[in-house]
Amino acid sequence: MSRERIQLEPAYVLARRAFRDTSLLIEVFTEHHGRVGLVAKGVRSGKSAKSALLQPLRPLLVSWVESGELGTLTGVEPNGFAGELVGERLLSGWYLNELLTLLLQRHDPHPDLFRDYALTLDALAEQPVEIPLRSFELKLLAETGYGLNLAGVMEPQAHYVYDWVEGAQPSSPGPGTFSGESLIALREGALSHAEHLRAARRLLREALRRQLGGRELKTPKLLRELRAAAGSTPAGESE
């Protein structure tokens, strides 16, 4: 079996877990190779400086030897600085990682999505979390071949239902409908009003649920618990 060596590839750790006695099994999202599974040998031995670097949400340069489904990590170093994410912002970053881990196939490159991910992490450190989250969810669905069909003429004052084959279809107002104004705002990336954010969240949540195929996301539950403990509900949150 051929063994390809990849050197200093821009990457982020999506998830990590203990593997055997002193190693880690990590999932990384890379710019040119997509999601990659790597074995980081010996990094939990106490003699390795790599473990401290191999943390989620940090920009890294990663090197590995690729052979089959899992590669072997050979090097890691920082690749600039990341904005500090704490509390709800940190959980929002974990949420993005969980989506990428579940929805991206290994070794399927998405360089544009990688750059969007990096920009979204920066935005999470600086903006209200709902806007960058909804924008990234929309891009992720499009990149994986399940983008929303919001093409065509929509009237801002009209109401629509979303058909998963035909896209937005005119409808009488009702509990399952969306205003044309909200759908236009989602299409144009102009989610500045609470009503638009609520509609975007409702539609994107259902779209993601369909693609997850019954697989449960853990971070939204943690996020709800954090919000409940803080007694706050940010704009766009419908629960």
C-alpha atoms as a PDB file:
ATOM      1  CA  MET A   1       0.000   0.000   0.000  1.00  0.00           C
ATOM      2  CA  SER A   2       1.378   3.434  -0.977  1.00  0.00           C
ATOM      3  CA  ARG A   3       2.173   5.840   1.836  1.00  0.00           C
ATOM      4  CA  GLU A   4       1.689   9.491   0.932  1.00  0.00           C
ATOM      5  CA  ARG A   5       3.390  12.132   3.073  1.00  0.00           C
ATOM      6  CA  ILE A   6       1.503  15.381   3.641  1.00  0.00           C
ATOM      7  CA  GLN A   7       3.495  18.271   5.033  1.00  0.00           C
ATOM      8  CA  LEU A   8       2.307  21.372   6.919  1.00  0.00           C
ATOM      9  CA  GLU A   9      -1.321  21.225   5.833  1.00  0.00           C
ATOM     10  CA  PRO A  10      -3.613  23.945   7.291  1.00  0.00           C
ATOM     11  CA  ALA A  11      -6.008  22.163   9.624  1.00  0.00           C
ATOM     12  CA  TYR A  12      -8.253  22.282  12.675  1.00  0.00           C
ATOM     13  CA  VAL A  13      -8.879  19.467  15.149  1.00  0.00           C
ATOM     14  CA  LEU A  14     -12.577  18.565  15.101  1.00  0.00           C
ATOM     15  CA  ALA A  15     -12.516  15.855  17.775  1.00  0.00           C
ATOM     16  CA  ARG A  16     -10.045  13.788  19.776  1.00  0.00           C
ATOM     17  CA  ARG A  17     -10.228  10.756  22.005  1.00  0.00           C
ATOM     18  CA  ALA A  18      -7.860   8.428  23.775  1.00  0.00           C
ATOM     19  CA  PHE A  19      -6.460   5.611  21.660  1.00  0.00           C
ATOM     20  CA  ARG A  20      -4.614   2.688  23.173  1.00  0.00           C
ATOM     21  CA  ASP A  21      -2.294   3.460  26.076  1.00  0.00           C
ATOM     22  CA  THR A  22      -0.594   6.736  25.163  1.00  0.00           C
ATOM     23  CA  SER A  23      -2.036   7.843  21.812  1.00  0.00           C
ATOM     24  CA  LEU A  24      -4.912   9.926  20.501  1.00  0.00           C
ATOM     25  CA  LEU A  25      -7.289   9.322  17.640  1.00  0.00           C
ATOM     26  CA  ILE A  26      -8.066  12.712  16.130  1.00  0.00           C
ATOM     27  CA  GLU A  27     -10.362  13.941  13.397  1.00  0.00           C
ATOM     28  CA  VAL A  28      -8.972  16.960  11.578  1.00  0.00           C
ATOM     29  CA  PHE A  29     -10.551  19.242   8.992  1.00  0.00           C
ATOM     30  CA  THR A  30      -7.904  20.184   6.457  1.00  0.00           C
ATOM     31  CA  GLU A  31      -7.880  22.724   3.667  1.00  0.00           C
ATOM     32  CA  HIS A  32      -6.960  20.422   0.783  1.00  0.00           C
ATOM     33  CA  HIS A  33      -7.709  16.900   2.027  1.00  0.00           C
ATOM     34  CA  GLY A  34     -11.048  17.394   3.800  1.00  0.00           C
ATOM     35  CA  ARG A  35     -11.792  15.475   6.969  1.00  0.00           C
ATOM     36  CA  VAL A  36      -8.967  13.112   7.906  1.00  0.00           C
ATOM     37  CA  GLY A  37      -8.626  10.586  10.714  1.00  0.00           C
ATOM     38  CA  LEU A  38      -5.158  10.459  12.285  1.00  0.00           C
ATOM     39  CA  VAL A  39      -3.432   8.474  14.992  1.00  0.00           C
ATOM     40  CA  ALA A  40      -1.248  10.711  17.148  1.00  0.00           C
ATOM     41  CA  LYS A  41       1.131   8.195  18.665  1.00  0.00           C
ATOM     42  CA  GLY A  42       2.511   8.687  22.156  1.00  0.00           C
ATOM     43  CA  VAL A  43       1.128  12.180  22.677  1.00  0.00           C
ATOM     44  CA  ARG A  44      -0.440  11.257  26.045  1.00  0.00           C
ATOM     45  CA  SER A  45       2.832   9.927  27.451  1.00  0.00           C
ATOM     46  CA  GLY A  46       3.709  13.138  29.283  1.00  0.00           C
ATOM     47  CA  LYS A  47       6.855  13.602  27.224  1.00  0.00           C
ATOM     48  CA  SER A  48       5.145  15.020  24.140  1.00  0.00           C
ATOM     49  CA  ALA A  49       4.355  18.688  23.540  1.00  0.00           C
ATOM     50  CA  LYS A  50       1.939  17.788  20.763  1.00  0.00           C
ATOM     51  CA  SER A  51      -1.043  17.067  22.995  1.00  0.00           C
ATOM     52  CA  ALA A  52      -1.311  20.698  24.115  1.00  0.00           C
ATOM     53  CA  LEU A  53      -1.362  21.822  20.484  1.00  0.00           C
ATOM     54  CA  LEU A  54      -3.909  19.252  19.319  1.00  0.00           C
ATOM     55  CA  GLN A  55      -6.895  21.133  20.684  1.00  0.00           C
ATOM     56  CA  PRO A  56     -10.105  21.943  18.788  1.00  0.00           C
ATOM     57  CA  LEU A  57     -10.718  25.420  17.328  1.00  0.00           C
ATOM     58  CA  ARG A  58      -7.028  26.318  16.967  1.00  0.00           C
ATOM     59  CA  PRO A  59      -5.483  26.948  13.531  1.00  0.00           C
ATOM     60  CA  LEU A  60      -2.712  24.404  12.980  1.00  0.00           C
ATOM     61  CA  LEU A  61      -0.261  23.124  10.410  1.00  0.00           C
ATOM     62  CA  VAL A  62      -0.393  19.334  10.456  1.00  0.00           C
ATOM     63  CA  SER A  63       1.848  16.737   8.826  1.00  0.00           C
ATOM     64  CA  TRP A  64       1.055  13.058   8.491  1.00  0.00           C
ATOM     65  CA  VAL A  65       1.691   9.856   6.583  1.00  0.00           C
ATOM     66  CA  GLU A  66      -1.448   8.693   4.852  1.00  0.00           C
ATOM     67  CA  SER A  67      -2.045   4.972   4.510  1.00  0.00           C
ATOM     68  CA  GLY A  68      -5.594   3.675   4.199  1.00  0.00           C
ATOM     69  CA  GLU A  69      -8.459   5.063   6.264  1.00  0.00           C
ATOM     70  CA  LEU A  70      -6.323   6.345   9.148  1.00  0.00           C
ATOM     71  CA  GLY A  71      -3.076   8.265   8.796  1.00  0.00           C
ATOM     72  CA  THR A  72      -0.267   8.706  11.304  1.00  0.00           C
ATOM     73  CA  LEU A  73       0.494  12.169  12.628  1.00  0.00           C
ATOM     74  CA  THR A  74       4.144  13.154  12.143  1.00  0.00           C
ATOM     75  CA  GLY A  75       4.103  16.833  13.097  1.00  0.00           C
ATOM     76  CA  VAL A  76       1.979  19.734  14.289  1.00  0.00           C
ATOM     77  CA  GLU A  77       2.640  23.423  14.835  1.00  0.00           C
ATOM     78  CA  PRO A  78       0.551  26.563  15.366  1.00  0.00           C
ATOM     79  CA  ASN A  79      -0.738  28.444  12.338  1.00  0.00           C
ATOM     80  CA  GLY A  80      -1.478  31.906  13.705  1.00  0.00           C
ATOM     81  CA  PHE A  81      -3.844  32.906  16.460  1.00  0.00           C
ATOM     82  CA  ALA A  82      -7.523  32.214  17.057  1.00  0.00           C
ATOM     83  CA  GLY A  83     -10.044  34.429  18.803  1.00  0.00           C
ATOM     84  CA  GLU A  84     -10.866  33.309  22.329  1.00  0.00           C
ATOM     85  CA  LEU A  85     -14.132  31.408  22.595  1.00  0.00           C
ATOM     86  CA  VAL A  86     -15.682  30.955  26.020  1.00  0.00           C
ATOM     87  CA  GLY A  87     -19.077  29.924  27.348  1.00  0.00           C
ATOM     88  CA  GLU A  88     -21.767  29.855  24.677  1.00  0.00           C
ATOM     89  CA  ARG A  89     -19.282  30.884  21.992  1.00  0.00           C
ATOM     90  CA  LEU A  90     -17.096  27.881  22.804  1.00  0.00           C
ATOM     91  CA  LEU A  91     -20.053  25.499  22.616  1.00  0.00           C
ATOM     92  CA  SER A  92     -21.027  27.060  19.295  1.00  0.00           C
ATOM     93  CA  GLY A  93     -17.573  26.203  17.972  1.00  0.00           C
ATOM     94  CA  TRP A  94     -17.959  22.633  19.213  1.00  0.00           C
ATOM     95  CA  TYR A  95     -21.324  22.527  17.453  1.00  0.00           C
ATOM     96  CA  LEU A  96     -19.660  23.393  14.137  1.00  0.00           C
ATOM     97  CA  ASN A  97     -17.099  20.652  14.742  1.00  0.00           C
ATOM     98  CA  GLU A  98     -19.806  18.120  15.473  1.00  0.00           C
ATOM     99  CA  LEU A  99     -21.646  19.007  12.261  1.00  0.00           C
ATOM    100  CA  LEU A 100     -18.480  18.666  10.186  1.00  0.00           C
ATOM    101  CA  THR A 101     -17.584  15.338  11.800  1.00  0.00           C
ATOM    102  CA  LEU A 102     -21.018  13.872  11.086  1.00  0.00           C
ATOM    103  CA  LEU A 103     -21.764  15.356   7.659  1.00  0.00           C
ATOM    104  CA  LEU A 104     -18.403  15.317   5.858  1.00  0.00           C
ATOM    105  CA  GLN A 105     -16.972  12.160   4.358  1.00  0.00           C
ATOM    106  CA  ARG A 106     -13.309  11.478   5.006  1.00  0.00           C
ATOM    107  CA  HIS A 107     -10.876  12.480   2.253  1.00  0.00           C
ATOM    108  CA  ASP A 108     -13.452  14.641   0.482  1.00  0.00           C
ATOM    109  CA  PRO A 109     -11.841  18.086   0.022  1.00  0.00           C
ATOM    110  CA  HIS A 110     -13.880  21.243   0.667  1.00  0.00           C
ATOM    111  CA  PRO A 111     -11.357  24.107   0.487  1.00  0.00           C
ATOM    112  CA  ASP A 112     -14.005  26.836   0.286  1.00  0.00           C
ATOM    113  CA  LEU A 113     -15.834  25.404   3.296  1.00  0.00           C
ATOM    114  CA  PHE A 114     -12.536  25.223   5.180  1.00  0.00           C
ATOM    115  CA  ARG A 115     -12.027  28.943   4.655  1.00  0.00           C
ATOM    116  CA  ASP A 116     -15.651  29.633   5.638  1.00  0.00           C
ATOM    117  CA  TYR A 117     -15.102  27.618   8.808  1.00  0.00           C
ATOM    118  CA  ALA A 118     -12.036  29.676   9.752  1.00  0.00           C
ATOM    119  CA  LEU A 119     -13.934  32.915   9.140  1.00  0.00           C
ATOM    120  CA  THR A 120     -16.895  31.636  11.159  1.00  0.00           C
ATOM    121  CA  LEU A 121     -14.678  30.886  14.156  1.00  0.00           C
ATOM    122  CA  ASP A 122     -13.348  34.440  13.979  1.00  0.00           C
ATOM    123  CA  ALA A 123     -16.912  35.759  13.775  1.00  0.00           C
ATOM    124  CA  LEU A 124     -17.995  33.684  16.779  1.00  0.00           C
ATOM    125  CA  ALA A 125     -15.366  35.469  18.837  1.00  0.00           C
ATOM    126  CA  GLU A 126     -16.651  38.904  17.826  1.00  0.00           C
ATOM    127  CA  GLN A 127     -20.352  38.752  16.870  1.00  0.00           C
ATOM    128  CA  PRO A 128     -23.630  37.461  18.335  1.00  0.00           C
ATOM    129  CA  VAL A 129     -23.388  33.739  17.677  1.00  0.00           C
ATOM    130  CA  GLU A 130     -26.661  33.190  15.836  1.00  0.00           C
ATOM    131  CA  ILE A 131     -25.721  35.070  12.651  1.00  0.00           C
ATOM    132  CA  PRO A 132     -22.433  33.245  11.864  1.00  0.00           C
ATOM    133  CA  LEU A 133     -23.950  29.897  12.885  1.00  0.00           C
ATOM    134  CA  ARG A 134     -26.872  30.211  10.481  1.00  0.00           C
ATOM    135  CA  SER A 135     -24.597  31.396   7.685  1.00  0.00           C
ATOM    136  CA  PHE A 136     -22.244  28.436   8.133  1.00  0.00           C
ATOM    137  CA  GLU A 137     -25.088  25.911   8.301  1.00  0.00           C
ATOM    138  CA  LEU A 138     -26.363  27.238   4.971  1.00  0.00           C
ATOM    139  CA  LYS A 139     -22.908  26.938   3.381  1.00  0.00           C
ATOM    140  CA  LEU A 140     -22.345  23.467   4.813  1.00  0.00           C
ATOM    141  CA  LEU A 141     -25.593  22.186   3.319  1.00  0.00           C
ATOM    142  CA  ALA A 142     -24.689  23.657  -0.065  1.00  0.00           C
ATOM    143  CA  GLU A 143     -21.161  22.192   0.027  1.00  0.00           C
ATOM    144  CA  THR A 144     -22.436  18.716   0.808  1.00  0.00           C
ATOM    145  CA  GLY A 145     -24.974  18.780  -2.022  1.00  0.00           C
ATOM    146  CA  TYR A 146     -28.090  19.558   0.016  1.00  0.00           C
ATOM    147  CA  GLY A 147     -28.341  23.317  -0.350  1.00  0.00           C
ATOM    148  CA  LEU A 148     -31.673  25.040   0.132  1.00  0.00           C
ATOM    149  CA  ASN A 149     -33.553  25.979  -3.021  1.00  0.00           C
ATOM    150  CA  LEU A 150     -34.290  29.660  -2.502  1.00  0.00           C
ATOM    151  CA  ALA A 151     -34.037  30.686  -6.147  1.00  0.00           C
ATOM    152  CA  GLY A 152     -36.772  32.463  -8.038  1.00  0.00           C
ATOM    153  CA  VAL A 153     -38.898  35.481  -7.317  1.00  0.00           C
ATOM    154  CA  MET A 154     -40.281  35.798  -3.788  1.00  0.00           C
ATOM    155  CA  GLU A 155     -42.472  38.603  -2.553  1.00  0.00           C
ATOM    156  CA  PRO A 156     -41.428  40.007   0.839  1.00  0.00           C
ATOM    157  CA  GLN A 157     -45.004  40.270   2.117  1.00  0.00           C
ATOM    158  CA  ALA A 158     -46.113  36.863   0.833  1.00  0.00           C
ATOM    159  CA  HIS A 159     -45.938  33.545   2.735  1.00  0.00           C
ATOM    160  CA  TYR A 160     -44.302  30.306   1.640  1.00  0.00           C
ATOM    161  CA  VAL A 161     -43.934  26.691   2.641  1.00  0.00           C
ATOM    162  CA  TYR A 162     -40.648  24.968   1.968  1.00  0.00           C
ATOM    163  CA  ASP A 163     -40.969  21.864  -0.178  1.00  0.00           C
ATOM    164  CA  TRP A 164     -37.873  19.653  -0.004  1.00  0.00           C
ATOM    165  CA  VAL A 165     -38.075  18.913  -3.723  1.00  0.00           C
ATOM    166  CA  GLU A 166     -39.474  22.106  -5.235  1.00  0.00           C
ATOM    167  CA  GLY A 167     -38.158  24.681  -2.778  1.00  0.00           C
ATOM    168  CA  ALA A 168     -40.158  27.674  -1.537  1.00  0.00           C
ATOM    169  CA  GLN A 169     -43.795  27.497  -2.637  1.00  0.00           C
ATOM    170  CA  PRO A 170     -46.491  30.207  -2.161  1.00  0.00           C
ATOM    171  CA  SER A 171     -48.935  29.452   0.639  1.00  0.00           C
ATOM    172  CA  SER A 172     -51.534  30.967   2.898  1.00  0.00           C
ATOM    173  CA  PRO A 173     -50.144  32.147   6.261  1.00  0.00           C
ATOM    174  CA  GLY A 174     -49.885  29.374   8.846  1.00  0.00           C
ATOM    175  CA  PRO A 175     -47.703  27.995  11.645  1.00  0.00           C
ATOM    176  CA  GLY A 176     -45.433  26.094   9.228  1.00  0.00           C
ATOM    177  CA  THR A 177     -44.930  28.905   6.734  1.00  0.00           C
ATOM    178  CA  PHE A 178     -42.175  31.459   6.225  1.00  0.00           C
ATOM    179  CA  SER A 179     -42.471  35.061   5.206  1.00  0.00           C
ATOM    180  CA  GLY A 180     -40.933  35.956   1.882  1.00  0.00           C
ATOM    181  CA  GLU A 181     -38.947  38.636   3.692  1.00  0.00           C
ATOM    182  CA  SER A 182     -37.308  36.032   5.960  1.00  0.00           C
ATOM    183  CA  LEU A 183     -36.447  33.680   3.084  1.00  0.00           C
ATOM    184  CA  ILE A 184     -34.989  36.542   1.050  1.00  0.00           C
ATOM    185  CA  ALA A 185     -32.908  37.595   4.057  1.00  0.00           C
ATOM    186  CA  LEU A 186     -31.583  34.030   4.406  1.00  0.00           C
ATOM    187  CA  ARG A 187     -30.770  33.800   0.696  1.00  0.00           C
ATOM    188  CA  GLU A 188     -28.935  37.132   0.747  1.00  0.00           C
ATOM    189  CA  GLY A 189     -27.145  36.549   4.048  1.00  0.00           C
ATOM    190  CA  ALA A 190     -28.864  39.530   5.663  1.00  0.00           C
ATOM    191  CA  LEU A 191     -30.029  37.986   8.935  1.00  0.00           C
ATOM    192  CA  SER A 192     -30.150  41.132  11.034  1.00  0.00           C
ATOM    193  CA  HIS A 193     -33.647  40.885  12.547  1.00  0.00           C
ATOM    194  CA  ALA A 194     -34.843  38.461  15.207  1.00  0.00           C
ATOM    195  CA  GLU A 195     -37.752  37.303  13.039  1.00  0.00           C
ATOM    196  CA  HIS A 196     -35.406  36.425  10.177  1.00  0.00           C
ATOM    197  CA  LEU A 197     -33.097  34.549  12.521  1.00  0.00           C
ATOM    198  CA  ARG A 198     -35.954  32.523  13.991  1.00  0.00           C
ATOM    199  CA  ALA A 199     -37.173  31.545  10.520  1.00  0.00           C
ATOM    200  CA  ALA A 200     -33.655  30.669   9.369  1.00  0.00           C
ATOM    201  CA  ARG A 201     -33.026  28.541  12.422  1.00  0.00           C
ATOM    202  CA  ARG A 202     -36.301  26.670  12.004  1.00  0.00           C
ATOM    203  CA  LEU A 203     -35.678  25.890   8.325  1.00  0.00           C
ATOM    204  CA  LEU A 204     -31.981  25.047   8.678  1.00  0.00           C
ATOM    205  CA  ARG A 205     -32.570  22.871  11.744  1.00  0.00           C
ATOM    206  CA  GLU A 206     -35.018  20.724   9.770  1.00  0.00           C
ATOM    207  CA  ALA A 207     -32.672  20.576   6.768  1.00  0.00           C
ATOM    208  CA  LEU A 208     -29.803  19.404   8.969  1.00  0.00           C
ATOM    209  CA  ARG A 209     -32.011  16.911  10.784  1.00  0.00           C
ATOM    210  CA  ARG A 210     -32.837  15.298   7.450  1.00  0.00           C
ATOM    211  CA  GLN A 211     -29.167  14.975   6.543  1.00  0.00           C
ATOM    212  CA  LEU A 212     -28.146  13.631   9.940  1.00  0.00           C
ATOM    213  CA  GLY A 213     -30.478  10.679   9.477  1.00  0.00           C
ATOM    214  CA  GLY A 214     -31.376  10.266  13.124  1.00  0.00           C
ATOM    215  CA  ARG A 215     -27.870  10.848  14.480  1.00  0.00           C
ATOM    216  CA  GLU A 216     -28.114  13.033  17.569  1.00  0.00           C
ATOM    217  CA  LEU A 217     -26.130  16.213  18.073  1.00  0.00           C
ATOM    218  CA  LYS A 218     -24.795  16.597  21.613  1.00  0.00           C
ATOM    219  CA  THR A 219     -23.737  20.231  21.619  1.00  0.00           C
ATOM    220  CA  PRO A 220     -27.209  21.798  21.076  1.00  0.00           C
ATOM    221  CA  LYS A 221     -28.373  20.054  24.251  1.00  0.00           C
ATOM    222  CA  LEU A 222     -25.403  21.433  26.172  1.00  0.00           C
ATOM    223  CA  LEU A 223     -26.079  24.864  24.693  1.00  0.00           C
ATOM    224  CA  ARG A 224     -29.713  24.788  25.809  1.00  0.00           C
ATOM    225  CA  GLU A 225     -28.638  23.783  29.302  1.00  0.00           C
ATOM    226  CA  LEU A 226     -26.146  26.653  29.409  1.00  0.00           C
ATOM    227  CA  ARG A 227     -28.791  29.143  28.276  1.00  0.00           C
ATOM    228  CA  ALA A 228     -31.305  27.800  30.777  1.00  0.00           C
ATOM    229  CA  ALA A 229     -28.779  28.153  33.587  1.00  0.00           C
ATOM    230  CA  ALA A 230     -28.043  31.730  32.513  1.00  0.00           C
ATOM    231  CA  GLY A 231     -31.745  32.508  32.067  1.00  0.00           C
ATOM    232  CA  SER A 232     -31.185  33.970  28.605  1.00  0.00           C
ATOM    233  CA  THR A 233     -32.535  33.337  25.125  1.00  0.00           C
ATOM    234  CA  PRO A 234     -30.590  35.073  22.328  1.00  0.00           C
ATOM    235  CA  ALA A 235     -32.190  36.476  19.178  1.00  0.00           C
ATOM    236  CA  GLY A 236     -33.142  33.709  16.775  1.00  0.00           C
ATOM    237  CA  GLU A 237     -33.527  31.025  19.435  1.00  0.00           C
ATOM    238  CA  SER A 238     -36.972  29.463  19.041  1.00  0.00           C
ATOM    239  CA  GLU A 239     -36.887  26.981  21.894  1.00  0.00           C
END
